[in-house]
């Protein structure tokens, strides 16, 4: 397809799109991550209130991912059908309501049911945004945009940690326990953002009032050309449901699962680990800022340097290996200070992997298949969150060590590094083969 629209300053246009779209999308993910991380702080008081063991609480917390798994693909297909503004507004409202309801949990059964409903409510947000970005940004710019978006998760942990820690120490307000205040205060922002999303998020470039006709046409033609190229290269089945059984989709989901176990294992257990230092809840929250601040700095700076070639894949390999070293150090170093420093350096390694990973699925998924396929990879991969939030307390209970659970992200990141190395070698071999194909004159 030839692009026949007048010349467009691509860099300026992409930067303007980023300025217009990414702050709101990042804010959505920030709020989502606060609502995910609140469970790790609420645990510090909620265990006693509900009379649950670490393992039983871990099971309840992890049921979020079962609801997420079951509803994520349908949610993303509906987002494709109804458009991002309406569907994301629905997601924001329902998960805010369920988060607030968690404050009034009376027993283990109610806790389990609400955590499942929270996962079902939030299902579709993350893969929905990834799919949404494919409607706006050419592939060469997506790793940077995914980096900006992922900043929302590290900021969510960074902002949520001191807020949740402080709220735990404010129990007694209006007769509520600290853990109840955590759920109420962190659930309200998502309900308020419902209306912001509905009125400020454009569904597509064609509906964007801030773009000129020429800019809309350039985006349409550029993205259509990419999709046509993908269709010419695609040799698999074309039905929407077939994407759920496609080997590459399943392989990507298992690959992502290693990262998911690492991220959720660390974020879930870090407040408990720091609590073992003998600090107050407020101090715990403040200390938890440090690793996520470091992750935020890396995400804001490095992804923009990874455009073109295999740079993103090489970055994944290096970050995964550094992460292995950091989390092993967090177990075996002799003092709390050194172990915490290792965790602070391990967090950016994990979070850099996320935007780099999500540049891979759109290379073979497009259209409605992209909506379903990305959701399938994310939902199946997020079973890692279910595994992590059950495996971490089990390791703690079995070993009697609060440090031993950090062997889990070390192991998973090692597997992730091995797979990344295989992908890198395959890509380089494919490049060598293509470079030796004779060009017809």
Protein backbone atom coordinates (compact mmCIF):
# COMPACT_ATOMS: atom_id res chain seq x y z
CA UNK A 1 0.00 0.00 0.00
CA UNK A 2 1.39 3.38 -0.92
CA UNK A 3 0.94 6.25 1.49
CA UNK A 4 -0.19 9.20 -0.62
CA UNK A 5 -1.07 11.75 2.06
CA UNK A 6 0.92 15.00 2.33
CA UNK A 7 4.20 14.90 4.25
CA UNK A 8 3.71 14.65 8.02
CA UNK A 9 6.27 15.36 10.72
CA UNK A 10 6.09 11.87 12.21
CA UNK A 11 8.11 12.56 15.34
CA UNK A 12 6.05 15.63 16.20
CA UNK A 13 2.76 13.81 15.60
CA UNK A 14 3.74 10.77 17.69
CA UNK A 15 4.91 13.00 20.54
CA UNK A 16 1.61 14.88 20.43
CA UNK A 17 -0.34 11.62 20.53
CA UNK A 18 1.77 10.45 23.45
CA UNK A 19 1.13 13.69 25.33
CA UNK A 20 -2.61 13.45 24.65
CA UNK A 21 -3.19 9.74 25.37
CA UNK A 22 -0.49 8.30 27.62
CA UNK A 23 -1.06 10.37 30.81
CA UNK A 24 -4.67 9.21 31.06
CA UNK A 25 -3.86 5.60 30.16
CA UNK A 26 -0.98 5.61 32.64
CA UNK A 27 -3.28 7.02 35.31
CA UNK A 28 -5.74 4.17 34.74
CA UNK A 29 -2.97 1.63 35.24
CA UNK A 30 -1.65 3.49 38.28
CA UNK A 31 -5.05 3.27 39.95
CA UNK A 32 -5.39 -0.36 38.88
CA UNK A 33 -2.06 -1.23 40.45
CA UNK A 34 -2.91 0.55 43.69
CA UNK A 35 -6.04 -1.61 43.79
CA UNK A 36 -3.88 -4.69 43.20
CA UNK A 37 -1.17 -3.83 45.72
CA UNK A 38 -3.59 -2.83 48.49
CA UNK A 39 -4.15 -6.52 49.24
CA UNK A 40 -0.50 -6.95 50.29
CA UNK A 41 -0.79 -4.14 52.88
CA UNK A 42 -4.31 -5.02 54.05
CA UNK A 43 -2.92 -8.49 54.80
CA UNK A 44 -0.85 -7.11 57.67
CA UNK A 45 -4.07 -6.55 59.68
CA UNK A 46 -6.71 -8.50 57.78
CA UNK A 47 -5.23 -11.90 58.69
CA UNK A 48 -6.04 -11.34 62.34
CA UNK A 49 -9.46 -9.79 61.68
CA UNK A 50 -10.67 -12.71 59.57
CA UNK A 51 -8.70 -15.40 61.40
CA UNK A 52 -6.95 -16.63 58.25
CA UNK A 53 -3.59 -18.32 57.84
CA UNK A 54 -0.99 -17.00 55.37
CA UNK A 55 -1.81 -19.82 52.95
CA UNK A 56 -5.59 -19.30 53.17
CA UNK A 57 -5.19 -15.56 52.66
CA UNK A 58 -2.87 -16.17 49.71
CA UNK A 59 -5.55 -18.37 48.13
CA UNK A 60 -8.17 -15.66 48.54
CA UNK A 61 -5.89 -12.97 47.15
CA UNK A 62 -5.00 -15.15 44.17
CA UNK A 63 -8.65 -15.78 43.17
CA UNK A 64 -8.45 -12.35 41.52
CA UNK A 65 -6.51 -14.02 38.72
CA UNK A 66 -9.10 -16.74 38.17
CA UNK A 67 -11.78 -14.12 37.56
CA UNK A 68 -9.30 -12.29 35.35
CA UNK A 69 -8.57 -15.46 33.36
CA UNK A 70 -12.20 -16.36 32.72
CA UNK A 71 -13.39 -12.90 31.65
CA UNK A 72 -10.40 -11.27 29.97
CA UNK A 73 -10.82 -12.55 26.41
CA UNK A 74 -14.58 -11.82 26.28
CA UNK A 75 -13.88 -8.39 27.78
CA UNK A 76 -11.32 -7.51 25.12
CA UNK A 77 -13.57 -8.72 22.31
CA UNK A 78 -16.33 -6.48 23.67
CA UNK A 79 -13.88 -3.58 23.86
CA UNK A 80 -13.15 -4.13 20.16
CA UNK A 81 -16.90 -4.11 19.47
CA UNK A 82 -18.03 -1.18 21.63
CA UNK A 83 -14.90 0.98 21.67
CA UNK A 84 -12.36 1.80 24.35
CA UNK A 85 -14.10 4.76 26.09
CA UNK A 86 -17.34 2.98 26.94
CA UNK A 87 -15.80 -0.37 27.84
CA UNK A 88 -12.91 1.01 29.89
CA UNK A 89 -15.34 3.26 31.77
CA UNK A 90 -17.37 0.14 32.62
CA UNK A 91 -14.22 -1.61 33.84
CA UNK A 92 -13.23 1.34 36.04
CA UNK A 93 -16.66 1.63 37.66
CA UNK A 94 -17.17 -2.05 38.47
CA UNK A 95 -13.73 -2.65 39.92
CA UNK A 96 -14.02 0.49 42.08
CA UNK A 97 -17.31 -0.73 43.53
CA UNK A 98 -15.94 -4.21 44.27
CA UNK A 99 -12.79 -2.76 45.87
CA UNK A 100 -14.92 -0.71 48.28
CA UNK A 101 -17.07 -3.77 49.07
CA UNK A 102 -13.89 -5.59 50.17
CA UNK A 103 -13.78 -3.18 53.12
CA UNK A 104 -16.89 -4.85 54.51
CA UNK A 105 -15.65 -8.43 54.25
CA UNK A 106 -17.04 -10.48 57.12
CA UNK A 107 -15.48 -13.90 56.59
CA UNK A 108 -13.24 -15.99 54.36
CA UNK A 109 -16.04 -16.99 51.96
CA UNK A 110 -16.99 -13.36 51.31
CA UNK A 111 -13.31 -12.47 50.84
CA UNK A 112 -12.86 -15.23 48.27
CA UNK A 113 -16.01 -14.23 46.35
CA UNK A 114 -15.11 -10.53 46.21
CA UNK A 115 -11.53 -11.20 45.09
CA UNK A 116 -12.90 -13.35 42.25
CA UNK A 117 -15.36 -10.59 41.30
CA UNK A 118 -12.58 -8.00 41.39
CA UNK A 119 -10.61 -10.01 38.83
CA UNK A 120 -13.69 -10.40 36.64
CA UNK A 121 -14.38 -6.66 36.88
CA UNK A 122 -10.86 -5.55 35.96
CA UNK A 123 -10.42 -8.16 33.22
CA UNK A 124 -9.63 -6.53 29.92
CA UNK A 125 -8.03 -3.29 31.08
CA UNK A 126 -4.37 -4.12 30.48
CA UNK A 127 -4.71 -6.06 27.20
CA UNK A 128 -7.36 -3.57 26.16
CA UNK A 129 -4.87 -0.73 26.42
CA UNK A 130 -2.21 -2.74 24.56
CA UNK A 131 -4.71 -3.38 21.77
CA UNK A 132 -5.82 0.27 21.89
CA UNK A 133 -2.23 1.42 21.33
CA UNK A 134 -2.07 -0.64 18.12
CA UNK A 135 -4.90 1.57 16.80
CA UNK A 136 -2.83 4.73 17.30
CA UNK A 137 0.91 4.06 17.11
CA UNK A 138 2.99 2.41 14.37
CA UNK A 139 4.96 -0.58 15.63
CA UNK A 140 8.28 1.28 15.72
CA UNK A 141 6.94 3.59 18.44
CA UNK A 142 5.14 1.06 20.64
CA UNK A 143 7.96 0.00 22.94
CA UNK A 144 8.27 3.64 24.08
CA UNK A 145 4.50 3.96 24.59
CA UNK A 146 4.35 0.65 26.44
CA UNK A 147 7.18 1.92 28.63
CA UNK A 148 5.19 5.05 29.45
CA UNK A 149 2.12 2.94 30.17
CA UNK A 150 4.01 0.51 32.39
CA UNK A 151 5.24 3.47 34.43
CA UNK A 152 1.67 3.48 35.76
CA UNK A 153 2.22 0.11 37.46
CA UNK A 154 5.49 1.07 39.13
CA UNK A 155 4.00 4.43 40.17
CA UNK A 156 0.96 2.56 41.47
CA UNK A 157 3.18 0.50 43.76
CA UNK A 158 5.20 3.60 44.67
CA UNK A 159 2.19 5.82 45.47
CA UNK A 160 0.06 3.04 46.93
CA UNK A 161 2.68 1.81 49.40
CA UNK A 162 2.89 4.93 51.61
CA UNK A 163 -0.85 5.58 51.33
CA UNK A 164 -1.75 2.03 52.37
CA UNK A 165 0.87 1.98 55.13
CA UNK A 166 -0.39 5.29 56.52
CA UNK A 167 -4.04 4.19 56.34
CA UNK A 168 -3.25 1.03 58.30
CA UNK A 169 -2.07 3.24 61.16
CA UNK A 170 -5.25 5.38 60.95
CA UNK A 171 -7.63 2.65 62.11
CA UNK A 172 -10.48 3.90 64.28
CA UNK A 173 -11.69 6.63 61.92
CA UNK A 174 -15.49 6.29 61.63
CA UNK A 175 -15.17 3.06 63.59
CA UNK A 176 -13.28 1.36 60.75
CA UNK A 177 -10.14 -0.75 60.95
CA UNK A 178 -7.06 0.39 59.04
CA UNK A 179 -7.42 -2.39 56.46
CA UNK A 180 -11.01 -1.28 55.78
CA UNK A 181 -9.83 2.29 55.14
CA UNK A 182 -7.27 0.90 52.68
CA UNK A 183 -10.00 -0.62 50.48
CA UNK A 184 -12.37 2.35 50.68
CA UNK A 185 -9.80 5.03 49.92
CA UNK A 186 -8.14 3.08 47.09
CA UNK A 187 -11.47 2.11 45.50
CA UNK A 188 -12.86 5.65 45.14
CA UNK A 189 -10.42 6.96 42.45
CA UNK A 190 -11.42 4.32 39.91
CA UNK A 191 -15.09 5.26 40.26
CA UNK A 192 -14.26 8.94 39.74
CA UNK A 193 -12.12 8.12 36.68
CA UNK A 194 -15.12 6.42 35.06
CA UNK A 195 -16.43 9.75 33.83
CA UNK A 196 -13.01 11.05 32.80
CA UNK A 197 -12.50 8.03 30.55
CA UNK A 198 -15.97 8.27 29.09
CA UNK A 199 -15.57 11.89 27.98
CA UNK A 200 -11.84 12.38 27.36
CA UNK A 201 -10.61 9.13 25.77
CA UNK A 202 -11.10 9.05 21.97
CA UNK A 203 -12.06 5.70 20.48
CA UNK A 204 -9.82 5.94 17.40
CA UNK A 205 -7.80 8.43 15.32
CA UNK A 206 -10.86 9.00 13.11
CA UNK A 207 -12.75 10.38 16.13
CA UNK A 208 -9.87 12.47 17.51
CA UNK A 209 -10.79 16.15 17.32
CA UNK A 210 -7.22 17.20 18.09
CA UNK A 211 -5.91 15.69 14.80
CA UNK A 212 -6.08 17.32 11.38
CA UNK A 213 -7.55 15.47 8.41
CA UNK A 214 -4.06 14.91 6.98
CA UNK A 215 -2.79 13.51 10.28
CA UNK A 216 -5.75 11.15 10.54
CA UNK A 217 -5.17 9.95 7.01
CA UNK A 218 -1.44 9.43 7.58
CA UNK A 219 -2.10 7.35 10.69
CA UNK A 220 -4.80 5.33 8.94
CA UNK A 221 -2.63 4.61 5.91
CA UNK A 222 0.49 3.82 7.95
CA UNK A 223 -1.30 1.42 10.30
CA UNK A 224 -3.24 -0.18 7.43
CA UNK A 225 0.03 -0.77 5.58
CA UNK A 226 1.46 -2.54 8.63
CA UNK A 227 -1.63 -4.73 8.96
CA UNK A 228 -1.54 -5.64 5.26
CA UNK A 229 2.09 -6.66 5.62
CA UNK A 230 1.21 -8.82 8.62
CA UNK A 231 -1.64 -10.46 6.70
CA UNK A 232 0.72 -11.31 3.83
CA UNK A 233 3.15 -12.88 6.29
CA UNK A 234 0.47 -14.73 8.24
CA UNK A 235 -0.12 -18.35 7.26
CA UNK A 236 -2.30 -19.63 10.13
CA UNK A 237 -6.05 -19.96 10.56
CA UNK A 238 -8.05 -16.76 10.36
CA UNK A 239 -11.02 -17.46 12.66
CA UNK A 240 -11.25 -15.43 15.85
CA UNK A 241 -11.47 -18.42 18.20
CA UNK A 242 -8.54 -20.19 16.55
CA UNK A 243 -6.20 -17.62 18.09
CA UNK A 244 -6.87 -19.17 21.51
CA UNK A 245 -5.25 -22.45 20.45
CA UNK A 246 -2.50 -21.01 18.29
CA UNK A 247 0.89 -22.39 19.45
CA UNK A 248 2.56 -18.97 19.36
CA UNK A 249 -0.15 -17.48 21.58
CA UNK A 250 0.11 -20.34 24.10
CA UNK A 251 3.90 -20.15 24.01
CA UNK A 252 3.82 -16.40 24.61
CA UNK A 253 1.42 -16.92 27.53
CA UNK A 254 3.75 -19.43 29.20
CA UNK A 255 6.69 -17.12 28.57
CA UNK A 256 4.80 -14.20 30.12
CA UNK A 257 3.76 -16.40 33.05
CA UNK A 258 7.38 -16.52 34.25
CA UNK A 259 7.43 -12.74 34.38
CA UNK A 260 4.00 -12.60 36.02
CA UNK A 261 5.04 -14.97 38.82
CA UNK A 262 8.08 -12.80 39.47
CA UNK A 263 6.26 -9.44 39.48
CA UNK A 264 3.32 -10.53 41.62
CA UNK A 265 5.47 -12.62 43.93
CA UNK A 266 7.69 -9.65 44.75
CA UNK A 267 4.94 -7.01 44.98
CA UNK A 268 2.76 -9.29 47.14
CA UNK A 269 5.53 -10.30 49.56
CA UNK A 270 7.63 -7.12 49.79
CA UNK A 271 5.52 -5.41 52.53
CA UNK A 272 5.68 -8.62 54.60
CA UNK A 273 9.43 -8.87 54.05
CA UNK A 274 9.99 -5.24 55.10
CA UNK A 275 7.66 -5.67 58.09
CA UNK A 276 10.13 -8.30 59.26
CA UNK A 277 12.70 -5.52 59.68
CA UNK A 278 10.69 -4.41 62.73
CA UNK A 279 9.35 -1.15 61.29
CA UNK A 280 5.93 0.52 61.64
CA UNK A 281 3.27 0.30 58.92
CA UNK A 282 3.92 3.90 57.86
CA UNK A 283 7.68 3.33 57.63
CA UNK A 284 7.03 0.10 55.76
CA UNK A 285 5.05 2.04 53.18
CA UNK A 286 7.78 4.65 52.84
CA UNK A 287 10.50 2.04 52.36
CA UNK A 288 8.37 0.35 49.70
CA UNK A 289 8.56 3.54 47.63
CA UNK A 290 12.25 3.01 46.87
CA UNK A 291 12.22 -0.07 44.57
CA UNK A 292 9.20 1.20 42.62
CA UNK A 293 10.72 4.66 42.27
CA UNK A 294 13.79 3.06 40.72
CA UNK A 295 11.56 1.05 38.39
CA UNK A 296 9.71 4.22 37.39
CA UNK A 297 12.94 6.02 36.50
CA UNK A 298 14.10 3.12 34.33
CA UNK A 299 10.73 2.85 32.56
CA UNK A 300 10.59 6.58 31.87
CA UNK A 301 14.10 6.63 30.39
CA UNK A 302 15.18 3.35 28.80
CA UNK A 303 12.36 2.07 26.51
CA UNK A 304 12.73 5.07 24.17
CA UNK A 305 16.31 3.88 23.49
CA UNK A 306 15.18 0.42 22.36
CA UNK A 307 13.66 1.19 18.96
CA UNK A 308 14.60 -0.97 15.99
CA UNK A 309 16.18 -4.36 15.43
CA UNK A 310 16.52 -6.73 18.37
CA UNK A 311 17.33 -4.08 20.95
CA UNK A 312 14.21 -4.76 23.02
CA UNK A 313 14.96 -8.50 23.09
CA UNK A 314 18.60 -7.93 24.05
CA UNK A 315 17.41 -5.61 26.83
CA UNK A 316 15.08 -8.37 28.07
CA UNK A 317 17.93 -10.86 28.22
CA UNK A 318 20.21 -8.51 30.17
CA UNK A 319 17.44 -7.37 32.54
CA UNK A 320 16.32 -10.94 33.27
CA UNK A 321 19.87 -12.07 34.12
CA UNK A 322 20.43 -9.03 36.34
CA UNK A 323 17.11 -9.77 38.03
CA UNK A 324 18.24 -13.34 38.80
CA UNK A 325 21.39 -11.98 40.46
CA UNK A 326 19.43 -9.40 42.47
CA UNK A 327 16.83 -11.80 43.86
CA UNK A 328 19.41 -14.43 44.74
CA UNK A 329 21.31 -11.69 46.57
CA UNK A 330 18.10 -10.75 48.41
CA UNK A 331 18.12 -14.25 49.91
CA UNK A 332 21.78 -14.84 50.65
CA UNK A 333 23.29 -11.46 51.56
CA UNK A 334 24.00 -11.19 55.31
CA UNK A 335 22.15 -8.01 56.38
CA UNK A 336 18.67 -6.50 55.96
CA UNK A 337 20.16 -3.38 54.38
CA UNK A 338 22.02 -5.32 51.67
CA UNK A 339 19.05 -7.59 50.98
CA UNK A 340 16.72 -4.62 50.63
CA UNK A 341 19.20 -2.89 48.30
CA UNK A 342 19.22 -6.01 46.10
CA UNK A 343 15.41 -5.92 45.95
CA UNK A 344 15.53 -2.24 44.99
CA UNK A 345 17.71 -3.09 41.98
CA UNK A 346 15.68 -6.18 41.12
CA UNK A 347 12.39 -4.28 40.72
CA UNK A 348 13.53 -2.17 37.69
CA UNK A 349 14.85 -5.32 36.02
CA UNK A 350 11.42 -6.96 36.21
CA UNK A 351 9.49 -3.91 35.11
CA UNK A 352 11.66 -3.20 32.09
CA UNK A 353 10.75 -6.67 30.80
CA UNK A 354 7.05 -5.77 30.59
CA UNK A 355 7.01 -3.15 27.77
CA UNK A 356 9.70 -5.06 25.88
CA UNK A 357 7.66 -8.27 26.03
CA UNK A 358 4.48 -6.62 24.74
CA UNK A 359 6.17 -5.55 21.52
CA UNK A 360 6.28 -9.22 20.48
CA UNK A 361 2.59 -10.34 20.18
CA UNK A 362 1.55 -7.53 17.76
CA UNK A 363 4.16 -8.83 15.32
CA UNK A 364 1.86 -11.74 14.48
CA UNK A 365 -1.60 -10.59 15.68
CA UNK A 366 -3.81 -7.99 14.03
CA UNK A 367 -7.43 -6.75 14.00
CA UNK A 368 -9.95 -8.59 16.16
CA UNK A 369 -7.45 -11.46 16.45
CA UNK A 370 -5.10 -9.02 18.17
CA UNK A 371 -7.79 -8.09 20.70
CA UNK A 372 -8.49 -11.76 21.48
CA UNK A 373 -4.88 -12.94 21.23
CA UNK A 374 -3.38 -10.24 23.44
CA UNK A 375 -6.12 -10.85 26.00
CA UNK A 376 -5.44 -14.60 25.88
CA UNK A 377 -1.70 -14.11 26.41
CA UNK A 378 -2.30 -11.71 29.29
CA UNK A 379 -4.99 -13.77 30.99
CA UNK A 380 -3.19 -17.10 30.68
CA UNK A 381 0.09 -15.47 31.62
CA UNK A 382 -1.51 -13.88 34.66
CA UNK A 383 -2.18 -17.32 36.06
CA UNK A 384 1.33 -16.58 37.26
CA UNK A 385 -0.23 -14.15 39.71
CA UNK A 386 -2.43 -16.95 41.06
CA UNK A 387 0.58 -19.24 41.33
CA UNK A 388 2.73 -16.56 42.98
CA UNK A 389 0.23 -15.59 45.66
CA UNK A 390 -0.18 -19.25 46.65
CA UNK A 391 3.43 -20.36 46.18
CA UNK A 392 5.03 -17.48 48.11
CA UNK A 393 3.20 -18.10 51.43
CA UNK A 394 3.64 -21.86 50.97
CA UNK A 395 7.41 -21.44 50.64
CA UNK A 396 7.38 -19.15 53.68
CA UNK A 397 5.42 -21.69 55.72
CA UNK A 398 7.47 -24.66 54.53
CA UNK A 399 10.92 -23.14 55.01
CA UNK A 400 10.14 -20.90 57.99
CA UNK A 401 12.14 -18.17 56.26
CA UNK A 402 10.74 -14.79 55.24
CA UNK A 403 13.59 -14.47 52.71
CA UNK A 404 13.21 -17.82 50.92
CA UNK A 405 10.23 -16.75 48.74
CA UNK A 406 12.58 -14.51 46.75
CA UNK A 407 14.04 -17.69 45.24
CA UNK A 408 10.81 -17.88 43.24
CA UNK A 409 11.36 -14.74 41.09
CA UNK A 410 15.04 -15.69 40.72
CA UNK A 411 14.09 -19.07 39.24
CA UNK A 412 11.35 -17.71 36.99
CA UNK A 413 13.54 -14.94 35.60
CA UNK A 414 16.23 -17.52 34.81
CA UNK A 415 13.69 -19.48 32.74
CA UNK A 416 12.58 -16.21 31.13
CA UNK A 417 16.21 -15.41 30.21
CA UNK A 418 16.71 -18.82 28.58
CA UNK A 419 13.58 -18.41 26.43
CA UNK A 420 14.61 -14.85 25.53
CA UNK A 421 18.01 -16.12 24.39
CA UNK A 422 16.31 -18.68 22.13
CA UNK A 423 14.07 -15.97 20.62
CA UNK A 424 17.10 -13.75 20.02
CA UNK A 425 19.02 -16.54 18.30
CA UNK A 426 16.02 -17.39 16.12
CA UNK A 427 15.58 -13.76 15.06
CA UNK A 428 19.26 -13.42 14.21
CA UNK A 429 19.23 -16.65 12.20
CA UNK A 430 16.15 -15.45 10.31
CA UNK A 431 17.92 -12.15 9.56
CA UNK A 432 20.96 -14.02 8.22
CA UNK A 433 18.75 -16.14 5.95
CA UNK A 434 16.90 -13.08 4.64
CA UNK A 435 20.16 -11.21 3.99
CA UNK A 436 21.29 -14.06 1.71
CA UNK A 437 18.06 -14.23 -0.33
CA UNK A 438 18.88 -12.93 -3.85
CA UNK A 439 16.91 -9.87 -4.94
CA UNK A 440 15.21 -10.16 -8.34
CA UNK A 441 16.41 -7.52 -10.81
